[in-house]
Amino acid sequence: MTPAPTDRKASRIGALALLLAGLVLLLGSRMEWLVVDVFDDKSGAASLSVPGSSWSTEATAVALLLLAGGVAGFVLRKWGRRIVGAISALAAIGASWSPMALLAGEPDPERARQILAVGSASQRADNPVTISSWAEVTGMEVASAGPSLALMGAAVALFGGVLLAFKPGSDGPRLNKYEKKSQREAKLAEDLKTSPDSGRVIWDALDADIDPTDIDRER
């Protein structure tokens, strides 16, 4: 059975939405989410930034999952697309929690201090910027652009995942490797009648051992 154009379009929109959401979430996770003021009695006061990938460690993983899900939405069959859509929607809900909580509430200063103490916030593995274990957090400010962008990416992913799960489209007959030979021959016969000059149809007919000049014979 040939998929309806609307179903086919919906599944493609869902897959594209997952790709877009993955890119947006990845970009948002690289941006600054927090500016933390710390004080050390030896080195003095400093202001350090915490990126989304440090504050929300799952953001990068979910972004990569969404990118893979978007690609899978184009290449998998109906039930594969449905499963990918459902998993992506659940992942989007999980990824939305950290940026939503950060924008709506107060960030935990102890967590910010621990992130800065191990140097993961600097994203420089060869020479990480760290603070001392006795440094105190004196203030924090949320940089709303990063978590807002991440939250937008999660929303787009939720839309794309739900759309792909509920409207995965149908599999065309050419995707079915177990299609009966008689069905394929009947379709080729119809194609030869409607498009006798089509190069693709002629080659398909020859490949199936059908004489493309004999379009009127019974099947």
N, C-alpha and C. Protein backbone atom coordinates (compact mmCIF):
# COMPACT_ATOMS: atom_id res chain seq x y z
N MET A 1 0.84 -1.20 0.00
CA MET A 1 0.00 0.00 0.00
C MET A 1 0.87 1.24 0.00
N THR A 2 0.64 2.15 -0.92
CA THR A 2 1.43 3.37 -1.01
C THR A 2 1.02 4.35 0.07
N PRO A 3 2.01 4.95 0.83
CA PRO A 3 1.67 5.86 1.89
C PRO A 3 1.00 7.12 1.37
N ALA A 4 0.04 7.62 2.13
CA ALA A 4 -0.62 8.85 1.75
C ALA A 4 0.38 10.00 1.81
N PRO A 5 0.26 10.98 0.89
CA PRO A 5 1.20 12.10 0.88
C PRO A 5 1.26 12.83 2.20
N THR A 6 0.10 12.99 2.88
CA THR A 6 0.09 13.72 4.14
C THR A 6 0.86 12.97 5.21
N ASP A 7 0.72 11.64 5.26
CA ASP A 7 1.47 10.84 6.24
C ASP A 7 2.96 10.91 5.97
N ARG A 8 3.31 10.82 4.71
CA ARG A 8 4.71 10.88 4.33
C ARG A 8 5.31 12.23 4.70
N LYS A 9 4.54 13.28 4.48
CA LYS A 9 5.00 14.63 4.79
C LYS A 9 5.15 14.80 6.30
N ALA A 10 4.20 14.28 7.06
CA ALA A 10 4.24 14.40 8.52
C ALA A 10 5.47 13.71 9.09
N SER A 11 5.78 12.51 8.59
CA SER A 11 6.95 11.79 9.11
C SER A 11 8.24 12.53 8.77
N ARG A 12 8.31 13.14 7.60
CA ARG A 12 9.50 13.90 7.24
C ARG A 12 9.63 15.16 8.07
N ILE A 13 8.52 15.81 8.34
CA ILE A 13 8.55 17.00 9.20
C ILE A 13 9.03 16.61 10.60
N GLY A 14 8.53 15.48 11.11
CA GLY A 14 8.96 15.02 12.42
C GLY A 14 10.45 14.74 12.46
N ALA A 15 10.99 14.08 11.43
CA ALA A 15 12.41 13.77 11.38
C ALA A 15 13.25 15.05 11.28
N LEU A 16 12.79 16.00 10.45
CA LEU A 16 13.50 17.27 10.33
C LEU A 16 13.48 18.04 11.65
N ALA A 17 12.36 17.98 12.35
CA ALA A 17 12.25 18.66 13.64
C ALA A 17 13.25 18.08 14.65
N LEU A 18 13.45 16.77 14.62
CA LEU A 18 14.43 16.16 15.53
C LEU A 18 15.85 16.61 15.18
N LEU A 19 16.16 16.69 13.91
CA LEU A 19 17.48 17.18 13.50
C LEU A 19 17.70 18.62 13.96
N LEU A 20 16.70 19.45 13.73
CA LEU A 20 16.79 20.85 14.14
C LEU A 20 16.91 20.96 15.65
N ALA A 21 16.11 20.19 16.37
CA ALA A 21 16.14 20.22 17.83
C ALA A 21 17.50 19.80 18.37
N GLY A 22 18.10 18.78 17.76
CA GLY A 22 19.41 18.33 18.19
C GLY A 22 20.46 19.43 18.04
N LEU A 23 20.42 20.13 16.91
CA LEU A 23 21.37 21.22 16.69
C LEU A 23 21.14 22.37 17.68
N VAL A 24 19.88 22.72 17.89
CA VAL A 24 19.56 23.82 18.83
C VAL A 24 19.98 23.46 20.25
N LEU A 25 19.68 22.24 20.67
CA LEU A 25 20.03 21.81 22.02
C LEU A 25 21.55 21.75 22.19
N LEU A 26 22.25 21.29 21.16
CA LEU A 26 23.71 21.23 21.23
C LEU A 26 24.30 22.63 21.34
N LEU A 27 23.76 23.56 20.58
CA LEU A 27 24.23 24.94 20.65
C LEU A 27 23.93 25.55 22.03
N GLY A 28 22.71 25.31 22.51
CA GLY A 28 22.33 25.85 23.81
C GLY A 28 23.20 25.30 24.94
N SER A 29 23.59 24.02 24.84
CA SER A 29 24.40 23.42 25.90
C SER A 29 25.82 23.97 25.91
N ARG A 30 26.27 24.54 24.80
CA ARG A 30 27.61 25.12 24.73
C ARG A 30 27.65 26.55 25.25
N MET A 31 26.51 27.14 25.41
CA MET A 31 26.45 28.52 25.85
C MET A 31 26.54 28.63 27.38
N GLU A 32 26.78 29.84 27.83
CA GLU A 32 26.87 30.12 29.26
C GLU A 32 25.48 30.07 29.90
N TRP A 33 25.37 29.33 31.00
CA TRP A 33 24.10 29.23 31.72
C TRP A 33 24.13 29.99 33.05
N LEU A 34 25.30 30.06 33.65
CA LEU A 34 25.43 30.70 34.96
C LEU A 34 26.71 31.53 35.02
N VAL A 35 26.62 32.63 35.73
CA VAL A 35 27.81 33.40 36.10
C VAL A 35 27.90 33.34 37.62
N VAL A 36 29.00 32.76 38.11
CA VAL A 36 29.15 32.51 39.54
C VAL A 36 30.26 33.39 40.10
N ASP A 37 29.95 34.13 41.14
CA ASP A 37 30.94 34.95 41.85
C ASP A 37 31.47 34.13 43.02
N VAL A 38 32.79 33.99 43.09
CA VAL A 38 33.42 33.24 44.17
C VAL A 38 34.45 34.11 44.87
N PHE A 39 34.74 33.74 46.11
CA PHE A 39 35.77 34.46 46.87
C PHE A 39 36.68 33.47 47.56
N ASP A 40 37.97 33.69 47.38
CA ASP A 40 39.00 32.87 48.01
C ASP A 40 39.90 33.82 48.79
N ASP A 41 40.16 33.51 50.06
CA ASP A 41 40.95 34.42 50.88
C ASP A 41 42.40 34.53 50.43
N LYS A 42 42.83 33.64 49.52
CA LYS A 42 44.19 33.72 49.01
C LYS A 42 44.25 34.38 47.63
N SER A 43 43.32 33.98 46.74
CA SER A 43 43.35 34.53 45.38
C SER A 43 42.36 35.67 45.17
N GLY A 44 41.49 35.90 46.15
CA GLY A 44 40.55 37.00 46.05
C GLY A 44 39.25 36.62 45.35
N ALA A 45 38.54 37.63 44.84
CA ALA A 45 37.24 37.42 44.21
C ALA A 45 37.41 37.15 42.71
N ALA A 46 36.46 36.39 42.17
CA ALA A 46 36.48 36.09 40.74
C ALA A 46 35.06 35.77 40.28
N SER A 47 34.83 35.99 39.00
CA SER A 47 33.56 35.64 38.37
C SER A 47 33.83 34.60 37.29
N LEU A 48 33.17 33.47 37.40
CA LEU A 48 33.38 32.37 36.46
C LEU A 48 32.06 31.95 35.85
N SER A 49 32.11 31.49 34.62
CA SER A 49 30.90 31.07 33.92
C SER A 49 30.78 29.55 33.93
N VAL A 50 29.54 29.07 33.95
CA VAL A 50 29.25 27.65 33.91
C VAL A 50 28.42 27.39 32.66
N PRO A 51 28.93 26.62 31.71
CA PRO A 51 28.16 26.33 30.48
C PRO A 51 27.09 25.28 30.73
N GLY A 52 26.18 25.17 29.82
CA GLY A 52 25.09 24.22 29.98
C GLY A 52 25.54 22.78 30.02
N SER A 53 26.60 22.45 29.27
CA SER A 53 27.07 21.07 29.25
C SER A 53 27.62 20.63 30.59
N SER A 54 28.02 21.60 31.44
CA SER A 54 28.49 21.26 32.79
C SER A 54 27.35 21.23 33.79
N TRP A 55 26.42 22.16 33.65
CA TRP A 55 25.29 22.21 34.57
C TRP A 55 24.28 21.11 34.26
N SER A 56 24.06 20.84 32.98
CA SER A 56 23.13 19.79 32.55
C SER A 56 23.93 18.80 31.72
N THR A 57 24.53 17.82 32.40
CA THR A 57 25.45 16.90 31.73
C THR A 57 24.75 16.02 30.68
N GLU A 58 23.42 15.89 30.81
CA GLU A 58 22.70 15.05 29.85
C GLU A 58 22.36 15.78 28.55
N ALA A 59 22.55 17.10 28.52
CA ALA A 59 22.12 17.88 27.36
C ALA A 59 22.84 17.45 26.09
N THR A 60 24.16 17.28 26.16
CA THR A 60 24.92 16.89 24.97
C THR A 60 24.51 15.50 24.48
N ALA A 61 24.35 14.57 25.42
CA ALA A 61 23.96 13.21 25.05
C ALA A 61 22.59 13.20 24.37
N VAL A 62 21.65 13.97 24.91
CA VAL A 62 20.31 14.02 24.32
C VAL A 62 20.37 14.68 22.93
N ALA A 63 21.20 15.71 22.79
CA ALA A 63 21.33 16.37 21.49
C ALA A 63 21.82 15.40 20.43
N LEU A 64 22.82 14.58 20.78
CA LEU A 64 23.33 13.59 19.84
C LEU A 64 22.28 12.52 19.54
N LEU A 65 21.52 12.14 20.57
CA LEU A 65 20.44 11.17 20.37
C LEU A 65 19.39 11.71 19.40
N LEU A 66 19.06 12.98 19.53
CA LEU A 66 18.06 13.59 18.65
C LEU A 66 18.56 13.67 17.21
N LEU A 67 19.85 13.98 17.04
CA LEU A 67 20.42 14.02 15.70
C LEU A 67 20.36 12.63 15.05
N ALA A 68 20.71 11.62 15.84
CA ALA A 68 20.63 10.25 15.32
C ALA A 68 19.18 9.86 15.04
N GLY A 69 18.26 10.30 15.91
CA GLY A 69 16.85 10.01 15.70
C GLY A 69 16.30 10.66 14.45
N GLY A 70 16.77 11.88 14.16
CA GLY A 70 16.33 12.55 12.95
C GLY A 70 16.76 11.81 11.69
N VAL A 71 17.99 11.32 11.69
CA VAL A 71 18.47 10.54 10.55
C VAL A 71 17.68 9.24 10.44
N ALA A 72 17.47 8.59 11.58
CA ALA A 72 16.73 7.32 11.59
C ALA A 72 15.30 7.51 11.10
N GLY A 73 14.73 8.69 11.35
CA GLY A 73 13.37 8.96 10.90
C GLY A 73 13.22 8.94 9.39
N PHE A 74 14.33 9.11 8.67
CA PHE A 74 14.29 9.08 7.21
C PHE A 74 14.57 7.69 6.65
N VAL A 75 15.33 6.87 7.40
CA VAL A 75 15.79 5.61 6.82
C VAL A 75 15.07 4.38 7.38
N LEU A 76 14.50 4.48 8.56
CA LEU A 76 13.85 3.31 9.14
C LEU A 76 12.45 3.11 8.57
N ARG A 77 11.90 1.93 8.80
CA ARG A 77 10.55 1.63 8.37
C ARG A 77 9.56 2.14 9.40
N LYS A 78 8.27 1.90 9.17
CA LYS A 78 7.20 2.51 9.95
C LYS A 78 7.35 2.31 11.45
N TRP A 79 7.49 1.06 11.90
CA TRP A 79 7.56 0.82 13.34
C TRP A 79 8.87 1.33 13.92
N GLY A 80 9.93 1.31 13.14
CA GLY A 80 11.18 1.89 13.60
C GLY A 80 11.04 3.39 13.82
N ARG A 81 10.37 4.07 12.89
CA ARG A 81 10.15 5.51 13.03
C ARG A 81 9.27 5.80 14.25
N ARG A 82 8.28 4.96 14.47
CA ARG A 82 7.38 5.16 15.61
C ARG A 82 8.16 5.04 16.94
N ILE A 83 9.01 4.03 17.03
CA ILE A 83 9.79 3.81 18.25
C ILE A 83 10.78 4.95 18.46
N VAL A 84 11.46 5.37 17.39
CA VAL A 84 12.40 6.48 17.48
C VAL A 84 11.70 7.76 17.93
N GLY A 85 10.50 7.99 17.39
CA GLY A 85 9.74 9.17 17.79
C GLY A 85 9.40 9.15 19.27
N ALA A 86 8.98 8.00 19.77
CA ALA A 86 8.61 7.90 21.19
C ALA A 86 9.82 8.10 22.09
N ILE A 87 10.96 7.47 21.73
CA ILE A 87 12.17 7.64 22.53
C ILE A 87 12.64 9.09 22.52
N SER A 88 12.58 9.72 21.36
CA SER A 88 13.01 11.12 21.24
C SER A 88 12.12 12.04 22.06
N ALA A 89 10.82 11.78 22.07
CA ALA A 89 9.90 12.61 22.86
C ALA A 89 10.20 12.48 24.35
N LEU A 90 10.46 11.27 24.81
CA LEU A 90 10.81 11.06 26.22
C LEU A 90 12.13 11.74 26.56
N ALA A 91 13.11 11.62 25.66
CA ALA A 91 14.40 12.27 25.89
C ALA A 91 14.25 13.79 25.95
N ALA A 92 13.37 14.33 25.10
CA ALA A 92 13.13 15.77 25.09
C ALA A 92 12.55 16.24 26.42
N ILE A 93 11.65 15.46 26.99
CA ILE A 93 11.07 15.82 28.29
C ILE A 93 12.16 15.83 29.36
N GLY A 94 13.03 14.81 29.32
CA GLY A 94 14.12 14.76 30.29
C GLY A 94 15.09 15.93 30.13
N ALA A 95 15.39 16.29 28.88
CA ALA A 95 16.34 17.37 28.63
C ALA A 95 15.79 18.74 29.01
N SER A 96 14.48 18.85 29.08
CA SER A 96 13.87 20.16 29.40
C SER A 96 13.91 20.47 30.89
N TRP A 97 14.15 19.47 31.72
CA TRP A 97 14.04 19.67 33.16
C TRP A 97 15.08 20.66 33.70
N SER A 98 16.35 20.45 33.36
CA SER A 98 17.41 21.31 33.91
C SER A 98 17.27 22.77 33.49
N PRO A 99 17.11 23.09 32.19
CA PRO A 99 16.96 24.51 31.84
C PRO A 99 15.68 25.11 32.40
N MET A 100 14.61 24.34 32.48
CA MET A 100 13.37 24.87 33.04
C MET A 100 13.52 25.18 34.52
N ALA A 101 14.15 24.26 35.26
CA ALA A 101 14.36 24.48 36.70
C ALA A 101 15.28 25.66 36.94
N LEU A 102 16.27 25.84 36.07
CA LEU A 102 17.20 26.95 36.24
C LEU A 102 16.53 28.29 35.98
N LEU A 103 15.67 28.33 34.98
CA LEU A 103 14.98 29.59 34.65
C LEU A 103 13.88 29.92 35.65
N ALA A 104 13.26 28.88 36.21
CA ALA A 104 12.12 29.10 37.09
C ALA A 104 12.48 29.20 38.57
N GLY A 105 13.63 28.66 38.95
CA GLY A 105 13.98 28.61 40.37
C GLY A 105 15.32 29.23 40.66
N GLU A 106 15.86 28.87 41.82
CA GLU A 106 17.15 29.37 42.26
C GLU A 106 18.19 28.26 42.10
N PRO A 107 19.30 28.52 41.40
CA PRO A 107 20.34 27.49 41.24
C PRO A 107 21.01 27.17 42.57
N ASP A 108 21.47 25.96 42.70
CA ASP A 108 22.11 25.49 43.92
C ASP A 108 23.56 25.98 43.97
N PRO A 109 23.92 26.84 44.93
CA PRO A 109 25.30 27.34 44.98
C PRO A 109 26.33 26.25 45.27
N GLU A 110 25.96 25.25 46.06
CA GLU A 110 26.91 24.17 46.36
C GLU A 110 27.23 23.36 45.12
N ARG A 111 26.22 23.14 44.29
CA ARG A 111 26.46 22.41 43.04
C ARG A 111 27.35 23.23 42.12
N ALA A 112 27.12 24.52 42.05
CA ALA A 112 27.96 25.39 41.22
C ALA A 112 29.40 25.37 41.73
N ARG A 113 29.58 25.38 43.05
CA ARG A 113 30.93 25.35 43.62
C ARG A 113 31.64 24.04 43.28
N GLN A 114 30.92 22.93 43.35
CA GLN A 114 31.52 21.64 43.05
C GLN A 114 31.92 21.54 41.57
N ILE A 115 31.08 22.07 40.68
CA ILE A 115 31.40 22.06 39.24
C ILE A 115 32.67 22.87 38.98
N LEU A 116 32.75 24.03 39.61
CA LEU A 116 33.92 24.87 39.42
C LEU A 116 35.16 24.28 40.07
N ALA A 117 34.98 23.56 41.17
CA ALA A 117 36.13 22.99 41.89
C ALA A 117 36.84 21.90 41.09
N VAL A 118 36.07 21.13 40.28
CA VAL A 118 36.69 20.07 39.49
C VAL A 118 37.16 20.57 38.13
N GLY A 119 36.83 21.79 37.78
CA GLY A 119 37.32 22.37 36.53
C GLY A 119 36.55 22.02 35.29
N SER A 120 35.41 21.30 35.42
CA SER A 120 34.67 20.90 34.22
C SER A 120 34.00 22.08 33.52
N ALA A 121 33.76 23.15 34.27
CA ALA A 121 33.09 24.30 33.67
C ALA A 121 33.96 25.02 32.66
N SER A 122 35.28 24.89 32.79
CA SER A 122 36.17 25.60 31.87
C SER A 122 36.26 24.92 30.52
N GLN A 123 35.86 23.61 30.44
CA GLN A 123 35.91 22.85 29.20
C GLN A 123 37.32 22.82 28.60
N ARG A 124 38.32 22.84 29.47
CA ARG A 124 39.71 22.78 29.02
C ARG A 124 40.37 21.62 29.74
N ALA A 125 40.37 20.45 29.12
CA ALA A 125 40.89 19.26 29.77
C ALA A 125 42.40 19.35 30.03
N ASP A 126 43.13 20.07 29.14
CA ASP A 126 44.58 20.15 29.29
C ASP A 126 45.00 21.14 30.38
N ASN A 127 44.17 22.18 30.60
CA ASN A 127 44.52 23.19 31.60
C ASN A 127 43.24 23.76 32.20
N PRO A 128 42.50 22.95 32.99
CA PRO A 128 41.21 23.40 33.51
C PRO A 128 41.35 24.52 34.54
N VAL A 129 40.38 25.42 34.52
CA VAL A 129 40.31 26.48 35.51
C VAL A 129 39.52 25.96 36.69
N THR A 130 40.14 25.97 37.87
CA THR A 130 39.48 25.44 39.06
C THR A 130 39.50 26.49 40.18
N ILE A 131 38.68 26.26 41.18
CA ILE A 131 38.71 27.07 42.40
C ILE A 131 39.11 26.16 43.55
N SER A 132 39.56 26.75 44.62
CA SER A 132 40.00 25.96 45.77
C SER A 132 38.80 25.35 46.49
N SER A 133 39.05 24.31 47.23
CA SER A 133 37.98 23.62 47.94
C SER A 133 37.35 24.48 49.03
N TRP A 134 38.08 25.52 49.47
CA TRP A 134 37.53 26.38 50.52
C TRP A 134 36.94 27.69 49.98
N ALA A 135 36.95 27.84 48.65
CA ALA A 135 36.37 29.06 48.07
C ALA A 135 34.86 29.10 48.33
N GLU A 136 34.34 30.27 48.49
CA GLU A 136 32.92 30.46 48.78
C GLU A 136 32.21 31.09 47.58
N VAL A 137 30.99 30.65 47.34
CA VAL A 137 30.15 31.25 46.30
C VAL A 137 29.43 32.44 46.92
N THR A 138 29.71 33.62 46.42
CA THR A 138 29.11 34.84 46.97
C THR A 138 27.92 35.35 46.16
N GLY A 139 27.74 34.84 44.97
CA GLY A 139 26.61 35.27 44.16
C GLY A 139 26.51 34.47 42.87
N MET A 140 25.30 34.40 42.34
CA MET A 140 25.06 33.69 41.08
C MET A 140 24.02 34.44 40.26
N GLU A 141 24.25 34.43 38.95
CA GLU A 141 23.30 35.06 38.02
C GLU A 141 23.05 34.12 36.86
N VAL A 142 21.80 33.88 36.55
CA VAL A 142 21.45 33.01 35.44
C VAL A 142 21.57 33.77 34.12
N ALA A 143 22.33 33.21 33.18
CA ALA A 143 22.41 33.75 31.82
C ALA A 143 21.30 33.08 31.02
N SER A 144 20.20 33.75 30.87
CA SER A 144 18.97 33.12 30.39
C SER A 144 19.01 32.66 28.93
N ALA A 145 19.90 33.24 28.12
CA ALA A 145 19.91 32.89 26.68
C ALA A 145 20.20 31.41 26.46
N GLY A 146 21.20 30.88 27.15
CA GLY A 146 21.58 29.49 26.95
C GLY A 146 20.49 28.50 27.34
N PRO A 147 20.00 28.56 28.60
CA PRO A 147 18.94 27.61 28.96
C PRO A 147 17.64 27.83 28.18
N SER A 148 17.36 29.06 27.77
CA SER A 148 16.16 29.30 26.97
C SER A 148 16.27 28.63 25.62
N LEU A 149 17.46 28.70 25.01
CA LEU A 149 17.67 28.05 23.72
C LEU A 149 17.57 26.53 23.87
N ALA A 150 18.14 26.01 24.95
CA ALA A 150 18.05 24.57 25.20
C ALA A 150 16.61 24.13 25.40
N LEU A 151 15.86 24.94 26.12
CA LEU A 151 14.44 24.63 26.35
C LEU A 151 13.65 24.67 25.05
N MET A 152 14.00 25.60 24.19
CA MET A 152 13.35 25.67 22.87
C MET A 152 13.66 24.41 22.05
N GLY A 153 14.93 23.97 22.10
CA GLY A 153 15.30 22.76 21.39
C GLY A 153 14.54 21.54 21.91
N ALA A 154 14.36 21.47 23.23
CA ALA A 154 13.61 20.36 23.82
C ALA A 154 12.15 20.40 23.38
N ALA A 155 11.59 21.60 23.27
CA ALA A 155 10.19 21.73 22.83
C ALA A 155 10.03 21.28 21.38
N VAL A 156 10.97 21.67 20.53
CA VAL A 156 10.92 21.25 19.12
C VAL A 156 11.09 19.74 19.02
N ALA A 157 11.96 19.18 19.86
CA ALA A 157 12.17 17.73 19.86
C ALA A 157 10.91 16.99 20.31
N LEU A 158 10.22 17.54 21.30
CA LEU A 158 8.98 16.92 21.76
C LEU A 158 7.94 16.91 20.64
N PHE A 159 7.83 18.03 19.94
CA PHE A 159 6.90 18.11 18.81
C PHE A 159 7.27 17.09 17.74
N GLY A 160 8.55 17.07 17.35
CA GLY A 160 8.98 16.15 16.30
C GLY A 160 8.83 14.69 16.70
N GLY A 161 9.16 14.38 17.96
CA GLY A 161 9.04 13.00 18.42
C GLY A 161 7.60 12.52 18.45
N VAL A 162 6.70 13.36 18.97
CA VAL A 162 5.28 12.98 19.02
C VAL A 162 4.72 12.83 17.61
N LEU A 163 5.09 13.75 16.72
CA LEU A 163 4.60 13.67 15.34
C LEU A 163 5.08 12.40 14.66
N LEU A 164 6.36 12.06 14.86
CA LEU A 164 6.90 10.86 14.24
C LEU A 164 6.29 9.60 14.85
N ALA A 165 6.00 9.63 16.14
CA ALA A 165 5.42 8.45 16.80
C ALA A 165 3.99 8.20 16.37
N PHE A 166 3.21 9.26 16.23
CA PHE A 166 1.79 9.10 15.90
C PHE A 166 1.51 9.14 14.41
N LYS A 167 2.40 9.72 13.61
CA LYS A 167 2.22 9.76 12.16
C LYS A 167 3.50 9.31 11.47
N PRO A 168 3.85 8.04 11.64
CA PRO A 168 5.11 7.56 11.04
C PRO A 168 5.02 7.30 9.55
N GLY A 169 3.80 7.38 9.00
CA GLY A 169 3.62 7.07 7.58
C GLY A 169 3.60 5.56 7.36
N SER A 170 3.41 5.17 6.12
CA SER A 170 3.40 3.75 5.76
C SER A 170 4.60 3.42 4.91
N ASP A 171 4.94 2.16 4.86
CA ASP A 171 6.07 1.72 4.06
C ASP A 171 5.61 1.47 2.62
N GLY A 172 6.32 2.05 1.66
CA GLY A 172 6.01 1.82 0.26
C GLY A 172 6.32 0.39 -0.13
N PRO A 173 5.71 -0.10 -1.18
CA PRO A 173 5.93 -1.49 -1.60
C PRO A 173 7.36 -1.79 -1.97
N ARG A 174 8.10 -0.82 -2.43
CA ARG A 174 9.48 -1.05 -2.83
C ARG A 174 10.39 -1.24 -1.63
N LEU A 175 9.91 -0.83 -0.40
CA LEU A 175 10.71 -1.04 0.79
C LEU A 175 10.56 -2.45 1.33
N ASN A 176 9.58 -3.18 0.82
CA ASN A 176 9.29 -4.51 1.33
C ASN A 176 10.03 -5.55 0.50
N LYS A 177 11.10 -6.12 1.02
CA LYS A 177 11.89 -7.06 0.24
C LYS A 177 11.18 -8.40 0.07
N TYR A 178 10.09 -8.59 0.82
CA TYR A 178 9.33 -9.83 0.71
C TYR A 178 8.10 -9.65 -0.19
N GLU A 179 8.06 -8.53 -0.92
CA GLU A 179 6.93 -8.29 -1.82
C GLU A 179 6.82 -9.43 -2.83
N LYS A 180 5.63 -9.91 -3.03
CA LYS A 180 5.41 -11.01 -3.95
C LYS A 180 5.73 -10.59 -5.39
N LYS A 181 6.28 -11.53 -6.12
CA LYS A 181 6.66 -11.24 -7.50
C LYS A 181 5.46 -10.84 -8.34
N SER A 182 4.32 -11.49 -8.10
CA SER A 182 3.13 -11.17 -8.89
C SER A 182 2.66 -9.74 -8.64
N GLN A 183 2.79 -9.25 -7.38
CA GLN A 183 2.41 -7.88 -7.08
C GLN A 183 3.33 -6.89 -7.78
N ARG A 184 4.62 -7.22 -7.80
CA ARG A 184 5.57 -6.33 -8.45
C ARG A 184 5.32 -6.29 -9.95
N GLU A 185 5.04 -7.46 -10.53
CA GLU A 185 4.78 -7.50 -11.97
C GLU A 185 3.51 -6.74 -12.33
N ALA A 186 2.49 -6.85 -11.47
CA ALA A 186 1.24 -6.13 -11.72
C ALA A 186 1.48 -4.62 -11.67
N LYS A 187 2.28 -4.19 -10.73
CA LYS A 187 2.57 -2.76 -10.62
C LYS A 187 3.37 -2.27 -11.83
N LEU A 188 4.34 -3.11 -12.27
CA LEU A 188 5.13 -2.73 -13.44
C LEU A 188 4.26 -2.68 -14.69
N ALA A 189 3.32 -3.60 -14.79
CA ALA A 189 2.42 -3.59 -15.94
C ALA A 189 1.60 -2.30 -15.96
N GLU A 190 1.14 -1.88 -14.80
CA GLU A 190 0.38 -0.63 -14.71
C GLU A 190 1.26 0.57 -15.05
N ASP A 191 2.51 0.54 -14.56
CA ASP A 191 3.44 1.64 -14.85
C ASP A 191 3.74 1.71 -16.35
N LEU A 192 3.85 0.54 -17.00
CA LEU A 192 4.13 0.52 -18.43
C LEU A 192 2.97 1.10 -19.24
N LYS A 193 1.76 0.91 -18.75
CA LYS A 193 0.59 1.45 -19.46
C LYS A 193 0.48 2.96 -19.28
N THR A 194 0.80 3.42 -18.06
CA THR A 194 0.64 4.86 -17.77
C THR A 194 1.88 5.66 -18.18
N SER A 195 3.06 5.05 -18.10
CA SER A 195 4.30 5.77 -18.45
C SER A 195 5.19 4.89 -19.31
N PRO A 196 4.75 4.59 -20.54
CA PRO A 196 5.52 3.66 -21.39
C PRO A 196 6.87 4.19 -21.82
N ASP A 197 7.08 5.51 -21.76
CA ASP A 197 8.33 6.10 -22.21
C ASP A 197 9.29 6.38 -21.06
N SER A 198 8.91 6.03 -19.87
CA SER A 198 9.77 6.29 -18.71
C SER A 198 10.95 5.34 -18.71
N GLY A 199 12.15 5.91 -18.65
CA GLY A 199 13.35 5.09 -18.63
C GLY A 199 13.42 4.21 -17.39
N ARG A 200 13.01 4.76 -16.27
CA ARG A 200 13.05 3.99 -15.03
C ARG A 200 12.12 2.79 -15.10
N VAL A 201 10.91 3.00 -15.63
CA VAL A 201 9.93 1.92 -15.72
C VAL A 201 10.43 0.84 -16.68
N ILE A 202 11.03 1.26 -17.80
CA ILE A 202 11.52 0.28 -18.78
C ILE A 202 12.63 -0.57 -18.17
N TRP A 203 13.56 0.08 -17.47
CA TRP A 203 14.65 -0.68 -16.85
C TRP A 203 14.13 -1.61 -15.76
N ASP A 204 13.14 -1.17 -14.99
CA ASP A 204 12.55 -2.03 -13.96
C ASP A 204 11.88 -3.25 -14.59
N ALA A 205 11.21 -3.01 -15.72
CA ALA A 205 10.54 -4.11 -16.40
C ALA A 205 11.56 -5.12 -16.94
N LEU A 206 12.62 -4.62 -17.56
CA LEU A 206 13.67 -5.51 -18.07
C LEU A 206 14.32 -6.30 -16.93
N ASP A 207 14.52 -5.63 -15.81
CA ASP A 207 15.12 -6.30 -14.66
C ASP A 207 14.22 -7.42 -14.14
N ALA A 208 12.91 -7.26 -14.30
CA ALA A 208 11.95 -8.28 -13.85
C ALA A 208 11.60 -9.27 -14.95
N ASP A 209 12.37 -9.27 -16.06
CA ASP A 209 12.12 -10.17 -17.18
C ASP A 209 10.76 -9.94 -17.83
N ILE A 210 10.36 -8.68 -17.91
CA ILE A 210 9.10 -8.31 -18.55
C ILE A 210 9.43 -7.54 -19.83
N ASP A 211 8.75 -7.91 -20.93
CA ASP A 211 8.95 -7.23 -22.20
C ASP A 211 8.25 -5.88 -22.15
N PRO A 212 8.98 -4.76 -22.11
CA PRO A 212 8.33 -3.43 -22.01
C PRO A 212 7.52 -3.05 -23.23
N THR A 213 7.70 -3.76 -24.37
CA THR A 213 6.92 -3.44 -25.57
C THR A 213 5.58 -4.14 -25.57
N ASP A 214 5.43 -5.12 -24.67
CA ASP A 214 4.18 -5.91 -24.65
C ASP A 214 3.37 -5.46 -23.44
N ILE A 215 2.82 -4.26 -23.52
CA ILE A 215 2.13 -3.68 -22.37
C ILE A 215 0.68 -4.10 -22.30
N ASP A 216 0.21 -4.79 -23.31
CA ASP A 216 -1.21 -5.15 -23.32
C ASP A 216 -1.46 -6.58 -22.90
N ARG A 217 -0.42 -7.34 -22.62
CA ARG A 217 -0.67 -8.73 -22.29
C ARG A 217 -1.27 -8.83 -20.89
N GLU A 218 -2.00 -9.86 -20.69
CA GLU A 218 -2.70 -10.08 -19.41
C GLU A 218 -1.72 -10.62 -18.38
N ARG A 219 -1.96 -10.24 -17.12
CA ARG A 219 -1.15 -10.72 -16.01
C ARG A 219 -2.08 -11.27 -14.95
